[in-house]
Amino acid sequence: MGGVYTDAMREPDHNCSSSEDRLTELEIRISHQEAALDDVGAILIRQQKVIDELTRKVDVLNKRLGRALAGADSRFDPDQGPL
């Protein structure tokens, strides 16, 4: 993903000699921006999967801790969790 942003965000070449050249330059920039957007989307999907897994692990640990504390204090409600 490194060079994608550099290429996609560069200034247009104002020395283009024709409308066709400018159109080609814009098409190239759009192509790079689409690739960058695809990369960002893939990163977001991976991050959400990590967040979901970490949330699940925290819930499991919270319940374990709750059960452990419930054994020490019968007034503690393990469904409420310690946190």
N, C-alpha and C. Protein backbone atom coordinates (compact mmCIF):
# COMPACT_ATOMS: atom_id res chain seq x y z
N MET A 1 0.83 -1.19 0.00
CA MET A 1 0.00 0.00 0.00
C MET A 1 0.87 1.25 0.00
N GLY A 2 2.17 1.12 0.20
CA GLY A 2 3.05 2.26 0.36
C GLY A 2 2.96 3.35 -0.69
N GLY A 3 3.28 3.04 -1.95
CA GLY A 3 3.34 4.07 -2.97
C GLY A 3 2.01 4.46 -3.56
N VAL A 4 0.97 3.74 -3.23
CA VAL A 4 -0.34 4.02 -3.83
C VAL A 4 -0.79 5.43 -3.53
N TYR A 5 -0.66 5.84 -2.29
CA TYR A 5 -1.14 7.16 -1.91
C TYR A 5 -0.33 8.27 -2.56
N THR A 6 0.97 8.06 -2.68
CA THR A 6 1.82 9.07 -3.29
C THR A 6 1.40 9.30 -4.73
N ASP A 7 1.24 8.21 -5.47
CA ASP A 7 0.85 8.32 -6.87
C ASP A 7 -0.56 8.87 -7.02
N ALA A 8 -1.47 8.42 -6.19
CA ALA A 8 -2.87 8.83 -6.32
C ALA A 8 -3.09 10.28 -5.94
N MET A 9 -2.25 10.79 -5.06
CA MET A 9 -2.49 12.13 -4.54
C MET A 9 -1.61 13.20 -5.20
N ARG A 10 -0.81 12.78 -6.17
CA ARG A 10 0.09 13.77 -6.80
C ARG A 10 -0.71 14.80 -7.58
N GLU A 11 -0.09 15.92 -7.77
CA GLU A 11 -0.72 17.00 -8.54
C GLU A 11 -0.81 16.59 -9.99
N PRO A 12 -1.86 17.00 -10.68
CA PRO A 12 -1.95 16.67 -12.10
C PRO A 12 -0.83 17.36 -12.88
N ASP A 13 -0.44 16.75 -13.95
CA ASP A 13 0.60 17.31 -14.81
C ASP A 13 -0.02 18.41 -15.66
N HIS A 14 0.29 19.66 -15.34
CA HIS A 14 -0.30 20.80 -16.05
C HIS A 14 0.35 21.03 -17.41
N ASN A 15 1.37 20.25 -17.73
CA ASN A 15 2.02 20.38 -19.01
C ASN A 15 1.39 19.48 -20.08
N CYS A 16 0.29 18.81 -19.72
CA CYS A 16 -0.37 17.96 -20.70
C CYS A 16 -0.77 18.81 -21.90
N SER A 17 -0.56 18.26 -23.08
CA SER A 17 -0.76 19.06 -24.28
C SER A 17 -2.17 19.00 -24.82
N SER A 18 -2.96 18.04 -24.39
CA SER A 18 -4.29 17.94 -24.98
C SER A 18 -5.30 17.46 -23.95
N SER A 19 -6.54 17.58 -24.32
CA SER A 19 -7.61 17.08 -23.45
C SER A 19 -7.49 15.59 -23.25
N GLU A 20 -7.05 14.89 -24.27
CA GLU A 20 -6.87 13.45 -24.16
C GLU A 20 -5.80 13.11 -23.13
N ASP A 21 -4.72 13.87 -23.13
CA ASP A 21 -3.66 13.65 -22.14
C ASP A 21 -4.19 13.91 -20.73
N ARG A 22 -4.96 14.96 -20.56
CA ARG A 22 -5.52 15.27 -19.25
C ARG A 22 -6.49 14.18 -18.81
N LEU A 23 -7.28 13.68 -19.75
CA LEU A 23 -8.22 12.61 -19.43
C LEU A 23 -7.46 11.35 -19.01
N THR A 24 -6.41 11.03 -19.72
CA THR A 24 -5.59 9.87 -19.37
C THR A 24 -5.00 10.03 -17.98
N GLU A 25 -4.50 11.21 -17.68
CA GLU A 25 -3.93 11.49 -16.35
C GLU A 25 -4.99 11.30 -15.26
N LEU A 26 -6.19 11.78 -15.50
CA LEU A 26 -7.28 11.62 -14.52
C LEU A 26 -7.67 10.16 -14.35
N GLU A 27 -7.69 9.42 -15.44
CA GLU A 27 -8.02 7.99 -15.35
C GLU A 27 -6.97 7.25 -14.53
N ILE A 28 -5.71 7.61 -14.71
CA ILE A 28 -4.64 6.99 -13.93
C ILE A 28 -4.81 7.31 -12.45
N ARG A 29 -5.09 8.57 -12.16
CA ARG A 29 -5.27 8.97 -10.75
C ARG A 29 -6.46 8.25 -10.13
N ILE A 30 -7.55 8.13 -10.86
CA ILE A 30 -8.73 7.43 -10.34
C ILE A 30 -8.40 5.97 -10.09
N SER A 31 -7.67 5.37 -10.99
CA SER A 31 -7.27 3.98 -10.83
C SER A 31 -6.46 3.79 -9.55
N HIS A 32 -5.50 4.68 -9.31
CA HIS A 32 -4.69 4.60 -8.09
C HIS A 32 -5.55 4.83 -6.84
N GLN A 33 -6.48 5.75 -6.92
CA GLN A 33 -7.34 6.02 -5.77
C GLN A 33 -8.26 4.83 -5.49
N GLU A 34 -8.76 4.18 -6.53
CA GLU A 34 -9.58 2.98 -6.33
C GLU A 34 -8.78 1.88 -5.65
N ALA A 35 -7.54 1.70 -6.08
CA ALA A 35 -6.67 0.69 -5.46
C ALA A 35 -6.43 1.02 -3.98
N ALA A 36 -6.19 2.29 -3.70
CA ALA A 36 -5.96 2.71 -2.32
C ALA A 36 -7.21 2.47 -1.48
N LEU A 37 -8.36 2.77 -2.04
CA LEU A 37 -9.62 2.56 -1.33
C LEU A 37 -9.86 1.08 -1.05
N ASP A 38 -9.54 0.23 -2.02
CA ASP A 38 -9.65 -1.21 -1.81
C ASP A 38 -8.73 -1.67 -0.68
N ASP A 39 -7.51 -1.12 -0.66
CA ASP A 39 -6.56 -1.46 0.42
C ASP A 39 -7.11 -1.05 1.78
N VAL A 40 -7.65 0.14 1.87
CA VAL A 40 -8.21 0.63 3.13
C VAL A 40 -9.39 -0.24 3.56
N GLY A 41 -10.23 -0.60 2.63
CA GLY A 41 -11.36 -1.48 2.95
C GLY A 41 -10.91 -2.81 3.51
N ALA A 42 -9.88 -3.40 2.90
CA ALA A 42 -9.36 -4.68 3.38
C ALA A 42 -8.77 -4.54 4.78
N ILE A 43 -8.09 -3.44 5.03
CA ILE A 43 -7.53 -3.19 6.36
C ILE A 43 -8.64 -3.05 7.40
N LEU A 44 -9.68 -2.33 7.05
CA LEU A 44 -10.80 -2.17 7.98
C LEU A 44 -11.47 -3.50 8.30
N ILE A 45 -11.62 -4.36 7.32
CA ILE A 45 -12.21 -5.67 7.55
C ILE A 45 -11.34 -6.48 8.51
N ARG A 46 -10.02 -6.48 8.28
CA ARG A 46 -9.12 -7.21 9.17
C ARG A 46 -9.17 -6.65 10.59
N GLN A 47 -9.18 -5.32 10.71
CA GLN A 47 -9.22 -4.71 12.04
C GLN A 47 -10.52 -5.05 12.76
N GLN A 48 -11.64 -5.08 12.05
CA GLN A 48 -12.91 -5.41 12.69
C GLN A 48 -12.90 -6.85 13.19
N LYS A 49 -12.29 -7.76 12.42
CA LYS A 49 -12.18 -9.15 12.87
C LYS A 49 -11.35 -9.24 14.14
N VAL A 50 -10.25 -8.49 14.21
CA VAL A 50 -9.42 -8.48 15.41
C VAL A 50 -10.20 -7.92 16.60
N ILE A 51 -10.92 -6.83 16.36
CA ILE A 51 -11.72 -6.21 17.43
C ILE A 51 -12.77 -7.20 17.94
N ASP A 52 -13.45 -7.89 17.02
CA ASP A 52 -14.46 -8.87 17.42
C ASP A 52 -13.86 -9.98 18.26
N GLU A 53 -12.70 -10.49 17.83
CA GLU A 53 -12.04 -11.56 18.57
C GLU A 53 -11.58 -11.07 19.95
N LEU A 54 -11.02 -9.89 20.03
CA LEU A 54 -10.59 -9.36 21.32
C LEU A 54 -11.77 -9.12 22.25
N THR A 55 -12.87 -8.65 21.70
CA THR A 55 -14.08 -8.45 22.50
C THR A 55 -14.57 -9.78 23.08
N ARG A 56 -14.55 -10.82 22.23
CA ARG A 56 -14.96 -12.14 22.70
C ARG A 56 -14.04 -12.63 23.82
N LYS A 57 -12.74 -12.43 23.66
CA LYS A 57 -11.78 -12.86 24.69
C LYS A 57 -11.98 -12.09 25.99
N VAL A 58 -12.22 -10.80 25.91
CA VAL A 58 -12.46 -10.00 27.11
C VAL A 58 -13.72 -10.50 27.82
N ASP A 59 -14.76 -10.80 27.05
CA ASP A 59 -15.99 -11.33 27.66
C ASP A 59 -15.73 -12.64 28.40
N VAL A 60 -14.97 -13.53 27.78
CA VAL A 60 -14.64 -14.82 28.42
C VAL A 60 -13.85 -14.58 29.70
N LEU A 61 -12.84 -13.73 29.62
CA LEU A 61 -12.02 -13.46 30.81
C LEU A 61 -12.84 -12.77 31.90
N ASN A 62 -13.73 -11.88 31.50
CA ASN A 62 -14.57 -11.19 32.46
C ASN A 62 -15.46 -12.19 33.21
N LYS A 63 -16.03 -13.15 32.49
CA LYS A 63 -16.87 -14.17 33.13
C LYS A 63 -16.05 -15.07 34.05
N ARG A 64 -14.83 -15.44 33.60
CA ARG A 64 -13.97 -16.26 34.46
C ARG A 64 -13.64 -15.53 35.75
N LEU A 65 -13.28 -14.26 35.62
CA LEU A 65 -12.96 -13.48 36.80
C LEU A 65 -14.18 -13.34 37.70
N GLY A 66 -15.32 -13.14 37.09
CA GLY A 66 -16.56 -13.04 37.86
C GLY A 66 -16.84 -14.30 38.65
N ARG A 67 -16.65 -15.46 38.00
CA ARG A 67 -16.87 -16.73 38.72
C ARG A 67 -15.87 -16.89 39.85
N ALA A 68 -14.63 -16.48 39.61
CA ALA A 68 -13.60 -16.60 40.65
C ALA A 68 -13.94 -15.69 41.83
N LEU A 69 -14.38 -14.49 41.54
CA LEU A 69 -14.75 -13.56 42.60
C LEU A 69 -16.02 -14.00 43.31
N ALA A 70 -16.92 -14.63 42.56
CA ALA A 70 -18.17 -15.10 43.16
C ALA A 70 -17.88 -16.19 44.19
N GLY A 71 -16.85 -16.97 43.94
CA GLY A 71 -16.46 -18.00 44.91
C GLY A 71 -15.94 -17.37 46.19
N ALA A 72 -15.32 -16.20 46.08
CA ALA A 72 -14.77 -15.53 47.25
C ALA A 72 -15.83 -14.68 47.94
N ASP A 73 -16.82 -14.20 47.20
CA ASP A 73 -17.86 -13.33 47.75
C ASP A 73 -19.19 -13.75 47.15
N SER A 74 -20.03 -14.42 47.94
CA SER A 74 -21.28 -14.97 47.43
C SER A 74 -22.25 -13.88 46.99
N ARG A 75 -22.00 -12.60 47.33
CA ARG A 75 -22.89 -11.52 46.91
C ARG A 75 -22.58 -11.03 45.50
N PHE A 76 -21.46 -11.46 44.94
CA PHE A 76 -21.05 -10.99 43.62
C PHE A 76 -21.85 -11.70 42.54
N ASP A 77 -22.35 -10.96 41.56
CA ASP A 77 -23.12 -11.52 40.45
C ASP A 77 -22.20 -11.70 39.25
N PRO A 78 -21.84 -12.95 38.89
CA PRO A 78 -20.90 -13.17 37.79
C PRO A 78 -21.43 -12.70 36.44
N ASP A 79 -22.75 -12.62 36.27
CA ASP A 79 -23.30 -12.12 35.00
C ASP A 79 -23.06 -10.64 34.81
N GLN A 80 -22.92 -9.91 35.91
CA GLN A 80 -22.64 -8.48 35.82
C GLN A 80 -21.17 -8.22 35.53
N GLY A 81 -20.32 -9.15 35.90
CA GLY A 81 -18.90 -8.99 35.66
C GLY A 81 -18.26 -8.00 36.62
N PRO A 82 -16.97 -8.11 36.78
CA PRO A 82 -16.26 -7.25 37.72
C PRO A 82 -15.95 -5.87 37.16
N LEU A 83 -16.04 -5.74 35.83
CA LEU A 83 -15.61 -4.47 35.22
C LEU A 83 -16.78 -3.55 34.96
